[in-house]
Amino acid sequence: MAKKRGQLSLDEQQFIKNNIGQLTVEQIADQINRSVKPVERYIIENRLSFDKEENITDENLRLKLHAKTFWPEIIRQFDEDTGELEYFENTWIGLVK
């Protein structure tokens, strides 16, 4: 079945808010039949938090990094094609953990 497109419904937004600490972004996207990108965008734009210590995953930390005010500058400075951006993300995640 094709993934839904367009703006997230209020029910989908509430589902994301309710499950941000219990499910991964991929699991949330699957549950609401969406691709991962709009779910990530909603989480970042709304600065949803992953405060529960036991639920901190690499993906959650990566989303927290992407929500930081300095993230656009990081993207500009590091080359994604050579792996610099991924290396920075992984290093940052390791330091935070």
Foldseek 3Di string as FASTA:
>chain_A
DAADDDDDDPVLLVLCLVCVQPDALCVSCVVNRHDSVVSLVSCLVVVRDNPDVVRDDLRRQLSNCCNDPCNVVLPVPADVVVPRSVVVSVVVSVVVD
